Protein backbone atom coordinates (compact mmCIF):
# COMPACT_ATOMS: atom_id res chain seq x y z
CA UNK A 1 11.35 -11.95 -41.89
CA UNK A 2 11.84 -10.63 -38.36
CA UNK A 3 8.73 -10.45 -36.16
CA UNK A 4 9.57 -7.85 -33.49
CA UNK A 5 7.32 -8.36 -30.45
CA UNK A 6 6.48 -5.92 -27.65
CA UNK A 7 8.48 -7.49 -24.83
CA UNK A 8 7.49 -7.97 -21.21
CA UNK A 9 9.76 -5.63 -19.24
CA UNK A 10 8.38 -6.38 -15.79
CA UNK A 11 7.51 -3.33 -13.67
CA UNK A 12 3.82 -4.20 -13.96
CA UNK A 13 3.85 -2.94 -17.55
CA UNK A 14 1.94 -5.19 -19.92
CA UNK A 15 0.74 -2.72 -22.53
CA UNK A 16 1.64 0.60 -24.11
CA UNK A 17 0.21 3.25 -26.41
CA UNK A 18 1.89 4.14 -29.69
CA UNK A 19 2.94 7.80 -29.57
CA UNK A 20 5.04 8.22 -32.70
CA UNK A 21 6.36 6.21 -35.63
CA UNK A 22 9.64 7.25 -37.27
CA UNK A 23 9.19 4.93 -40.26
CA UNK A 24 6.37 3.76 -42.51
CA UNK A 25 5.64 0.68 -44.58
CA UNK A 26 8.30 0.05 -47.19
CA UNK A 27 10.97 2.14 -45.46
CA UNK A 28 14.47 0.81 -44.98
CA UNK A 29 15.69 0.71 -41.41
CA UNK A 30 19.06 -0.02 -39.84
CA UNK A 31 19.70 -1.93 -36.65
CA UNK A 32 19.64 0.42 -33.67
CA UNK A 33 17.57 3.15 -35.30
CA UNK A 34 14.53 4.21 -33.27
CA UNK A 35 11.40 2.69 -34.78
CA UNK A 36 8.66 3.96 -32.50
CA UNK A 37 7.93 5.69 -29.19
CA UNK A 38 5.60 3.74 -26.88
CA UNK A 39 3.99 5.34 -23.83
CA UNK A 40 3.77 3.05 -20.80
CA UNK A 41 2.68 3.66 -17.24
CA UNK A 42 6.23 4.54 -16.22
CA UNK A 43 8.28 5.59 -19.25
CA UNK A 44 8.00 6.81 -22.80
CA UNK A 45 10.06 4.06 -24.42
CA UNK A 46 11.96 4.41 -27.68
CA UNK A 47 12.11 0.98 -29.32
CA UNK A 48 15.14 0.48 -31.60
CA UNK A 49 15.16 -1.80 -34.61
CA UNK A 50 16.74 -5.18 -33.81
CA UNK A 51 17.87 -5.78 -37.43
CA UNK A 52 18.57 -4.14 -40.79
CA UNK A 53 15.81 -4.50 -43.36
CA UNK A 54 12.59 -3.22 -44.90
CA UNK A 55 9.40 -2.70 -42.90
CA UNK A 56 6.65 -4.96 -44.23
CA UNK A 57 4.08 -4.67 -41.44
CA UNK A 58 3.24 -2.22 -38.66
CA UNK A 59 1.46 -3.77 -35.70
CA UNK A 60 -0.34 -0.71 -34.34
CA UNK A 61 -0.98 2.87 -35.39
CA UNK A 62 -0.45 6.06 -33.41
CA UNK A 63 -2.91 6.22 -30.52
CA UNK A 64 -3.54 2.48 -30.50
CA UNK A 65 -2.63 0.18 -27.60
CA UNK A 66 -0.22 -2.70 -27.98
CA UNK A 67 0.07 -5.56 -25.48
CA UNK A 68 3.00 -7.69 -24.41
CA UNK A 69 3.65 -10.43 -26.97
CA UNK A 70 1.97 -8.60 -29.84
CA UNK A 71 3.81 -7.62 -33.01
CA UNK A 72 5.28 -4.15 -33.07
CA UNK A 73 6.66 -4.43 -36.58
CA UNK A 74 7.69 -7.06 -39.13
CA UNK A 75 11.00 -6.41 -40.91
CA UNK A 76 12.22 -8.19 -44.03
CA UNK A 77 15.82 -8.87 -43.08
CA UNK A 78 16.52 -11.17 -46.00
CA UNK A 79 15.51 -14.38 -44.24
CA UNK A 80 12.69 -16.68 -45.30
CA UNK A 81 11.07 -17.94 -42.13
CA UNK A 82 9.70 -15.44 -39.61
CA UNK A 83 12.09 -14.75 -36.76
CA UNK A 84 10.85 -13.85 -33.33
CA UNK A 85 13.01 -11.96 -30.88
CA UNK A 86 13.72 -14.10 -27.83
CA UNK A 87 15.10 -12.45 -24.71
CA UNK A 88 16.54 -14.38 -21.81
CA UNK A 89 14.54 -13.66 -18.67
CA UNK A 90 16.83 -13.12 -15.73
CA UNK A 91 14.08 -12.34 -13.31
CA UNK A 92 10.46 -13.18 -12.89
CA UNK A 93 8.32 -11.20 -15.36
CA UNK A 94 5.80 -10.40 -12.67
CA UNK A 95 8.34 -8.33 -10.86
CA UNK A 96 7.07 -4.84 -10.29
CA UNK A 97 9.95 -2.90 -8.98
CA UNK A 98 7.98 -0.16 -7.42
CA UNK A 99 9.43 -0.10 -3.93
CA UNK A 100 8.57 1.25 -0.55
CA UNK A 101 8.33 4.99 0.01
CA UNK A 102 11.70 6.64 -0.48
CA UNK A 103 13.39 9.02 -2.85
CA UNK A 104 16.71 9.16 -4.58
CA UNK A 105 18.92 12.11 -3.89
CA UNK A 106 21.51 13.45 -1.52
CA UNK A 107 21.18 12.23 2.05
CA UNK A 108 20.78 15.43 3.97
CA UNK A 109 22.93 16.12 7.01
CA UNK A 110 20.68 17.97 9.36
CA UNK A 111 16.11 -17.10 -14.41
CA UNK A 112 14.60 -19.62 -16.75
CA UNK A 113 12.77 -22.33 -14.78
CA UNK A 114 13.46 -25.90 -15.98
CA UNK A 115 10.48 -28.17 -16.57
CA UNK A 116 10.09 -31.43 -14.67
CA UNK A 117 11.56 -34.50 -16.29
CA UNK A 118 8.32 -36.35 -15.62
CA UNK A 119 6.70 -37.20 -18.96
CA UNK A 120 3.14 -36.34 -17.90
CA UNK A 121 4.24 -33.03 -16.43
CA UNK A 122 6.11 -32.22 -19.62
CA UNK A 123 2.99 -32.78 -21.72
CA UNK A 124 0.98 -30.53 -19.41
CA UNK A 125 3.59 -27.79 -19.69
CA UNK A 126 3.61 -28.07 -23.49
CA UNK A 127 -0.19 -27.78 -23.57
CA UNK A 128 -0.23 -24.85 -21.20
CA UNK A 129 2.36 -23.04 -23.32
CA UNK A 130 -0.17 -22.95 -26.17
CA UNK A 131 -2.68 -20.98 -24.12
CA UNK A 132 -2.90 -17.34 -25.22
CA UNK A 133 -1.67 -15.49 -22.14
CA UNK A 134 0.64 -12.67 -21.11
CA UNK A 135 4.00 -13.67 -19.58
CA UNK A 136 2.91 -11.94 -16.38
CA UNK A 137 -0.17 -14.17 -16.17
CA UNK A 138 1.84 -17.33 -16.86
CA UNK A 139 4.34 -16.65 -14.08
CA UNK A 140 1.61 -15.67 -11.63
CA UNK A 141 -0.28 -18.87 -12.42
CA UNK A 142 2.87 -20.85 -11.60
CA UNK A 143 3.43 -18.97 -8.35
CA UNK A 144 -0.15 -19.52 -7.17
CA UNK A 145 -0.61 -23.06 -8.45
CA UNK A 146 -3.43 -22.04 -10.81
CA UNK A 147 -4.08 -24.30 -13.79
CA UNK A 148 -3.93 -21.80 -16.65
CA UNK A 149 -5.76 -24.24 -18.91
CA UNK A 150 -8.92 -23.68 -16.81
CA UNK A 151 -8.76 -19.87 -16.84
CA UNK A 152 -11.03 -17.91 -19.15
CA UNK A 153 -9.14 -14.97 -20.56
CA UNK A 154 -10.64 -11.48 -20.50
CA UNK A 155 -8.09 -9.92 -22.84
CA UNK A 156 -8.15 -9.45 -26.58
CA UNK A 157 -8.87 -12.69 -28.44
CA UNK A 158 -9.32 -14.45 -25.12
CA UNK A 159 -5.81 -13.70 -23.87
CA UNK A 160 -5.38 -14.62 -20.20
CA UNK A 161 -4.41 -11.54 -18.19
CA UNK A 162 -2.91 -11.25 -14.71
CA UNK A 163 -6.28 -10.16 -13.35
CA UNK A 164 -7.84 -13.41 -14.61
CA UNK A 165 -5.30 -15.43 -12.64
CA UNK A 166 -5.87 -13.34 -9.52
CA UNK A 167 -9.63 -13.79 -9.82
CA UNK A 168 -9.28 -17.55 -10.24
CA UNK A 169 -6.90 -17.80 -7.27
CA UNK A 170 -9.19 -15.85 -4.95
CA UNK A 171 -12.59 -17.20 -5.97
CA UNK A 172 -12.05 -20.73 -7.24
CA UNK A 173 -9.87 -22.82 -4.93
CA UNK A 174 -10.91 -25.94 -6.82
CA UNK A 175 -9.22 -24.62 -9.96
CA UNK A 176 -5.82 -24.72 -8.34
CA UNK A 177 -3.44 -27.64 -8.74
CA UNK A 178 -4.39 -30.55 -6.45
CA UNK A 179 -2.09 -31.12 -3.51
CA UNK A 180 0.36 -33.98 -3.90
CA UNK A 181 3.98 -34.69 -3.14
CA UNK A 182 5.33 -32.96 -6.25
CA UNK A 183 3.00 -29.95 -6.32
CA UNK A 184 2.70 -27.91 -3.11
CA UNK A 185 -0.54 -26.15 -2.40
CA UNK A 186 -0.50 -22.41 -3.04
CA UNK A 187 0.26 -20.60 0.16
CA UNK A 188 -0.90 -17.10 -0.75
CA UNK A 189 -3.55 -15.21 -2.62
CA UNK A 190 -2.55 -11.97 -4.27
CA UNK A 191 -5.94 -10.34 -4.60
CA UNK A 192 -7.71 -9.09 -1.51
CA UNK A 193 -11.50 -9.17 -1.46
CA UNK A 194 -13.00 -6.14 -3.12
CA UNK A 195 -14.65 -3.84 -0.62
CA UNK A 196 -16.96 -1.02 -1.57
CA UNK A 197 -15.98 2.15 0.26
CA UNK A 198 -18.73 4.66 0.92
CA UNK A 199 -18.36 8.18 2.23
CA UNK A 200 -20.64 10.79 3.70
CA UNK A 201 -20.31 14.51 4.03
CA UNK A 202 -18.19 16.83 1.92
CA UNK A 203 -15.76 14.62 -0.05
CA UNK A 204 -13.85 14.71 -3.30
CA UNK A 205 -13.24 11.66 -5.48
CA UNK A 206 -9.82 11.73 -7.14
CA UNK A 207 -9.13 9.02 -9.74
CA UNK A 208 -5.67 7.46 -9.41
CA UNK A 209 -3.20 7.46 -12.28
CA UNK A 210 -2.03 4.45 -14.26
CA UNK A 211 1.27 4.60 -12.43
CA UNK A 212 -0.51 4.58 -9.09
CA UNK A 213 -2.53 1.55 -10.22
CA UNK A 214 0.74 -0.22 -11.01
CA UNK A 215 2.02 0.70 -7.55
CA UNK A 216 -1.17 -0.68 -5.98
CA UNK A 217 -0.71 -3.99 -7.80
CA UNK A 218 2.98 -4.34 -6.98
CA UNK A 219 2.63 -3.39 -3.33
CA UNK A 220 -0.26 -5.80 -2.86
CA UNK A 221 1.65 -8.59 -4.59
CA UNK A 222 4.82 -8.02 -2.56
CA UNK A 223 3.12 -7.82 0.83
CA UNK A 224 0.89 -10.85 0.25
CA UNK A 225 3.61 -13.11 -1.15
CA UNK A 226 6.69 -12.09 0.84
CA UNK A 227 6.83 -12.44 4.65
CA UNK A 228 8.94 -9.39 5.52
CA UNK A 229 11.21 -9.04 8.48
CA UNK A 230 13.00 -5.73 9.12
CA UNK A 231 16.22 -5.02 10.98
CA UNK A 232 17.12 -1.47 12.02
CA UNK A 233 20.43 -0.13 13.22
CA UNK A 234 22.68 2.90 12.93
CA UNK A 235 26.33 3.45 12.06
CA UNK A 236 28.74 6.23 12.98
CA UNK A 237 29.88 7.84 9.74
CA UNK A 238 32.27 10.58 10.88
CA UNK A 239 35.01 9.27 8.59
CA UNK A 240 32.60 9.04 5.67
CA UNK A 241 31.50 12.66 6.11
CA UNK A 242 35.14 13.81 6.16
CA UNK A 243 36.10 11.67 3.14
CA UNK A 244 33.21 12.95 1.05
CA UNK A 245 34.04 16.55 1.92
CA UNK A 246 37.64 15.94 0.86
CA UNK A 247 36.85 14.50 -2.57
CA UNK A 248 33.61 16.21 -3.61
CA UNK A 249 35.53 19.19 -5.03
CA UNK A 250 37.58 16.92 -7.29
CA UNK A 251 34.38 15.15 -8.30
CA UNK A 252 32.70 18.46 -9.11
CA UNK A 253 35.64 19.29 -11.40
CA UNK A 254 34.58 16.25 -13.43
CA UNK A 255 30.95 17.46 -13.38
CA UNK A 256 30.02 14.76 -10.86
CA UNK A 257 27.86 15.46 -7.82
CA UNK A 258 29.21 13.11 -5.19
CA UNK A 259 26.41 12.12 -2.81
CA UNK A 260 26.47 9.62 0.04
CA UNK A 261 24.34 7.29 -2.08
CA UNK A 262 27.37 6.36 -4.21
CA UNK A 263 29.29 5.23 -1.10
CA UNK A 264 26.27 3.31 0.19
CA UNK A 265 25.84 1.57 -3.15
CA UNK A 266 29.50 0.55 -3.09
CA UNK A 267 29.07 -0.84 0.41
CA UNK A 268 25.96 -2.77 -0.71
CA UNK A 269 27.89 -4.24 -3.65
CA UNK A 270 30.65 -5.55 -1.38
CA UNK A 271 28.11 -6.97 1.07
CA UNK A 272 26.25 -8.70 -1.79
CA UNK A 273 29.50 -10.24 -3.00
CA UNK A 274 30.17 -11.55 0.50
CA UNK A 275 26.60 -12.81 0.94
CA UNK A 276 25.38 -13.74 -2.59
CA UNK A 277 22.09 -15.19 -1.29
CA UNK A 278 20.90 -11.59 -0.87
CA UNK A 279 21.48 -11.03 -4.61
CA UNK A 280 18.95 -13.66 -5.59
CA UNK A 281 15.34 -14.61 -6.25
CA UNK A 282 13.30 -17.39 -4.66
CA UNK A 283 11.91 -19.94 -7.12
CA UNK A 284 9.20 -21.38 -4.90
CA UNK A 285 7.82 -23.72 -7.54
CA UNK A 286 11.09 -25.62 -7.79
CA UNK A 287 12.23 -25.08 -4.18
CA UNK A 288 15.46 -23.32 -5.09
CA UNK A 289 17.22 -19.98 -5.03
CA UNK A 290 18.28 -18.27 -8.25
CA UNK A 291 21.55 -16.54 -7.35
CA UNK A 292 22.45 -13.76 -9.79
CA UNK A 293 26.05 -13.49 -10.96
CA UNK A 294 25.49 -9.83 -11.84
CA UNK A 295 24.59 -6.98 -9.50
CA UNK A 296 21.99 -4.46 -10.70
CA UNK A 297 21.16 -2.07 -7.88
CA UNK A 298 17.67 -0.57 -7.93
CA UNK A 299 17.13 2.93 -6.55
CA UNK A 300 13.83 4.59 -5.72
CA UNK A 301 13.33 7.81 -7.67
CA UNK A 302 10.68 10.33 -6.68
CA UNK A 303 8.86 11.62 -9.78
CA UNK A 304 5.83 13.91 -10.15
CA UNK A 305 3.72 10.84 -10.94
CA UNK A 306 5.03 8.57 -8.19
CA UNK A 307 8.02 6.43 -7.30
CA UNK A 308 9.86 4.51 -10.03
CA UNK A 309 12.78 2.16 -9.41
CA UNK A 310 15.33 2.01 -12.22
CA UNK A 311 18.63 0.27 -11.64
CA UNK A 312 22.35 0.76 -12.06
CA UNK A 313 23.57 -2.07 -14.28
CA UNK A 314 26.64 -4.04 -13.23
CA UNK A 315 27.17 -1.86 -10.19
CA UNK A 316 29.93 -4.20 -9.01
CA UNK A 317 32.06 -3.14 -11.98
CA UNK A 318 31.88 0.60 -11.25
CA UNK A 319 33.94 2.92 -9.07
CA UNK A 320 32.37 5.29 -6.55
CA UNK A 321 32.68 8.22 -8.97
CA UNK A 322 31.19 6.18 -11.80
CA UNK A 323 28.29 5.20 -9.55
CA UNK A 324 27.74 8.83 -8.54
CA UNK A 325 27.65 9.97 -12.17
CA UNK A 326 25.24 7.26 -13.22
CA UNK A 327 22.99 7.76 -10.19
CA UNK A 328 22.40 11.38 -11.20
CA UNK A 329 21.93 10.58 -14.90
CA UNK A 330 19.49 7.75 -14.30
CA UNK A 331 17.53 9.80 -11.75
CA UNK A 332 17.24 12.75 -14.15
CA UNK A 333 16.15 10.48 -17.00
CA UNK A 334 13.57 8.78 -14.79
CA UNK A 335 12.03 12.06 -13.66
CA UNK A 336 11.84 13.15 -17.31
CA UNK A 337 10.39 9.73 -18.26
CA UNK A 338 13.31 9.15 -20.60
CA UNK A 339 14.82 6.21 -18.74
CA UNK A 340 15.60 3.20 -20.92
CA UNK A 341 13.38 0.17 -20.52
CA UNK A 342 16.43 -1.97 -19.87
CA UNK A 343 17.06 0.02 -16.70
CA UNK A 344 13.72 -1.11 -15.30
CA UNK A 345 14.58 -4.76 -15.80
CA UNK A 346 16.54 -7.37 -13.87
CA UNK A 347 17.06 -5.49 -10.63
CA UNK A 348 18.77 -7.79 -8.12
CA UNK A 349 18.72 -5.69 -4.92
CA UNK A 350 17.20 -2.29 -4.15
CA UNK A 351 17.98 0.79 -2.05
CA UNK A 352 15.45 3.40 -0.98
CA UNK A 353 16.37 6.74 0.58
CA UNK A 354 14.24 7.96 3.48
CA UNK A 355 16.81 10.61 4.30
CA UNK A 356 15.88 12.92 1.45
CA UNK A 357 12.42 13.15 3.05
CA UNK A 358 13.95 14.02 6.44
CA UNK A 359 13.13 10.57 7.87
CA UNK A 360 15.40 8.28 9.90
CA UNK A 361 13.81 4.82 9.73
CA UNK A 362 11.16 2.97 7.73
CA UNK A 363 9.95 -0.49 6.82
CA UNK A 364 10.71 -0.75 3.09
CA UNK A 365 8.77 -3.16 0.91
CA UNK A 366 10.77 -5.72 -1.04
CA UNK A 367 10.50 -5.63 -4.81
CA UNK A 368 9.26 -9.09 -5.78
CA UNK A 369 11.05 -11.33 -6.75
CA UNK A 370 14.06 -9.84 -4.95
CA UNK A 371 14.79 -10.98 -1.41
CA UNK A 372 15.98 -7.76 0.19
CA UNK A 373 15.88 -3.96 0.19
CA UNK A 374 17.96 -1.45 2.15
CA UNK A 375 16.44 1.75 3.49
CA UNK A 376 18.76 4.62 4.38
CA UNK A 377 17.81 7.51 6.63
CA UNK A 378 18.95 11.05 7.24
CA UNK A 379 22.45 11.56 8.60
CA UNK A 380 22.30 13.58 11.79
CA UNK A 381 24.54 14.53 14.68
CA UNK A 382 23.73 12.93 18.00
CA UNK A 383 25.43 11.97 21.26
CA UNK A 384 27.03 8.52 21.28
CA UNK A 385 29.26 6.62 23.68
CA UNK A 386 32.78 6.14 22.28
CA UNK A 387 35.57 4.62 24.36
CA UNK A 388 33.58 5.24 27.53
CA UNK A 389 32.95 8.89 26.75
CA UNK A 390 29.92 10.72 25.39
CA UNK A 391 30.72 12.44 22.11
CA UNK A 392 28.80 14.03 19.26
CA UNK A 393 28.99 11.99 16.06
CA UNK A 394 27.42 11.80 12.64
CA UNK A 395 25.04 8.83 12.57
CA UNK A 396 23.36 7.14 9.60
CA UNK A 397 20.17 5.10 10.27
CA UNK A 398 19.71 1.89 8.27
CA UNK A 399 16.63 -0.30 7.74
CA UNK A 400 17.03 -3.70 6.06
CA UNK A 401 13.97 -5.70 4.95
CA UNK A 402 14.42 -9.32 3.85
CA UNK A 403 12.29 -12.21 2.64
CA UNK A 404 12.07 -14.32 5.80
CA UNK A 405 11.21 -17.45 3.83
CA UNK A 406 14.78 -17.72 2.58
CA UNK A 407 16.81 -15.25 4.68
CA UNK A 408 17.19 -15.93 8.40
CA UNK A 409 17.49 -13.13 10.91
CA UNK A 410 21.08 -14.07 11.78
CA UNK A 411 22.14 -13.84 8.13
CA UNK A 412 20.34 -10.53 7.77
CA UNK A 413 22.20 -9.27 10.83
CA UNK A 414 25.56 -10.29 9.39
CA UNK A 415 24.73 -8.64 6.06
CA UNK A 416 23.73 -5.39 7.76
CA UNK A 417 26.81 -5.49 9.98
CA UNK A 418 29.02 -5.78 6.90
CA UNK A 419 27.45 -2.66 5.40
CA UNK A 420 27.89 -0.84 8.71
CA UNK A 421 31.57 -1.77 8.93
CA UNK A 422 32.22 -0.54 5.39
CA UNK A 423 30.49 2.78 5.96
CA UNK A 424 32.19 3.26 9.32
CA UNK A 425 35.60 2.83 7.66
CA UNK A 426 35.07 4.09 4.09
CA UNK A 427 38.71 3.64 3.08
CA UNK A 428 37.76 -0.02 2.66
CA UNK A 429 35.39 1.09 -0.11
CA UNK A 430 38.18 2.88 -1.95
CA UNK A 431 40.52 -0.08 -1.70
CA UNK A 432 38.01 -2.59 -3.10
């Protein structure tokens, strides 16, 4: 038997509503066939069958809500003991990759944490693992030093939810792990005090959407946990403008819209390879960095419901034209809410585009648990000094935000300078 669970995909998504079943009890299903469509805050996800077999149980009916960790379907795959799908987590499940304001589009020209070897700590971890809780709540409890054993769950069947951890962290300091040499005291609280806002005069109350609620949670989490520092600079991109104009016709012949974003992504990939600590997550509990050996570049996409940040998988293995093609496809799928769930997971570094909104600079918010995000502005012509003379050049503004706990300003400067050098001389991008 195969017990197929609704997986935690990050992005602040911990539940979904069943929209449509393609099979019923007793039906045969093949691996890869779409079982069900689940509506989440950000996407309508088609969940494929993980195995061949016969459906023996359906976890929720159309219109019902299913939570992370609950059974979607049980499939008789010929085995005796129930099998549970286990997915390796390559980034913290509390990551909510909603980023700072920015949109995708053409830039206009005007890991698994190891337990302590200590025997007592191991027993505590084993006990805590038996508590009914969402993966989001478990990770948040670790980050904030909250003893999950002392938290009363508000979810179904007493399941501990993220909100329960936040409430405990903000209102019950005594419930947090005592300070000692092996367990640092929590340094942040992720839930601000609730304040009742009153209004007088002629007002209109507009309820926010589920997606906006997810954005509220992720922005609050990122700003309260991560001490941001932002570097801003600009780069002359005359050669890049010429190069793009020269090759965009050939790209169009392959049905590819070649935007500046593809070149910027390529530059970011090369910079991340040179400075791998920017392609990482900070594991505060164990005082270590988790450096990713893969590069999945997140990109902010403006949708009618709000910003969503899917990613380009294995961006380091793609050419500029391949990046350009995938950027457009992923953006279109995201706007139509057809993006695959996998493309919302395991982002390692993000890029947000202020330029499409006719803005030069901004202070982008890092997607926890990433350690950096690059903001790109609108390319414009302006006077610059070159070789002692004032000339008119195309200039691209850049804004780099980093997690100052683990990235020093000097390193951030070197990283940004690398991106500038690559964009200033784009032939280096083609030769890589």
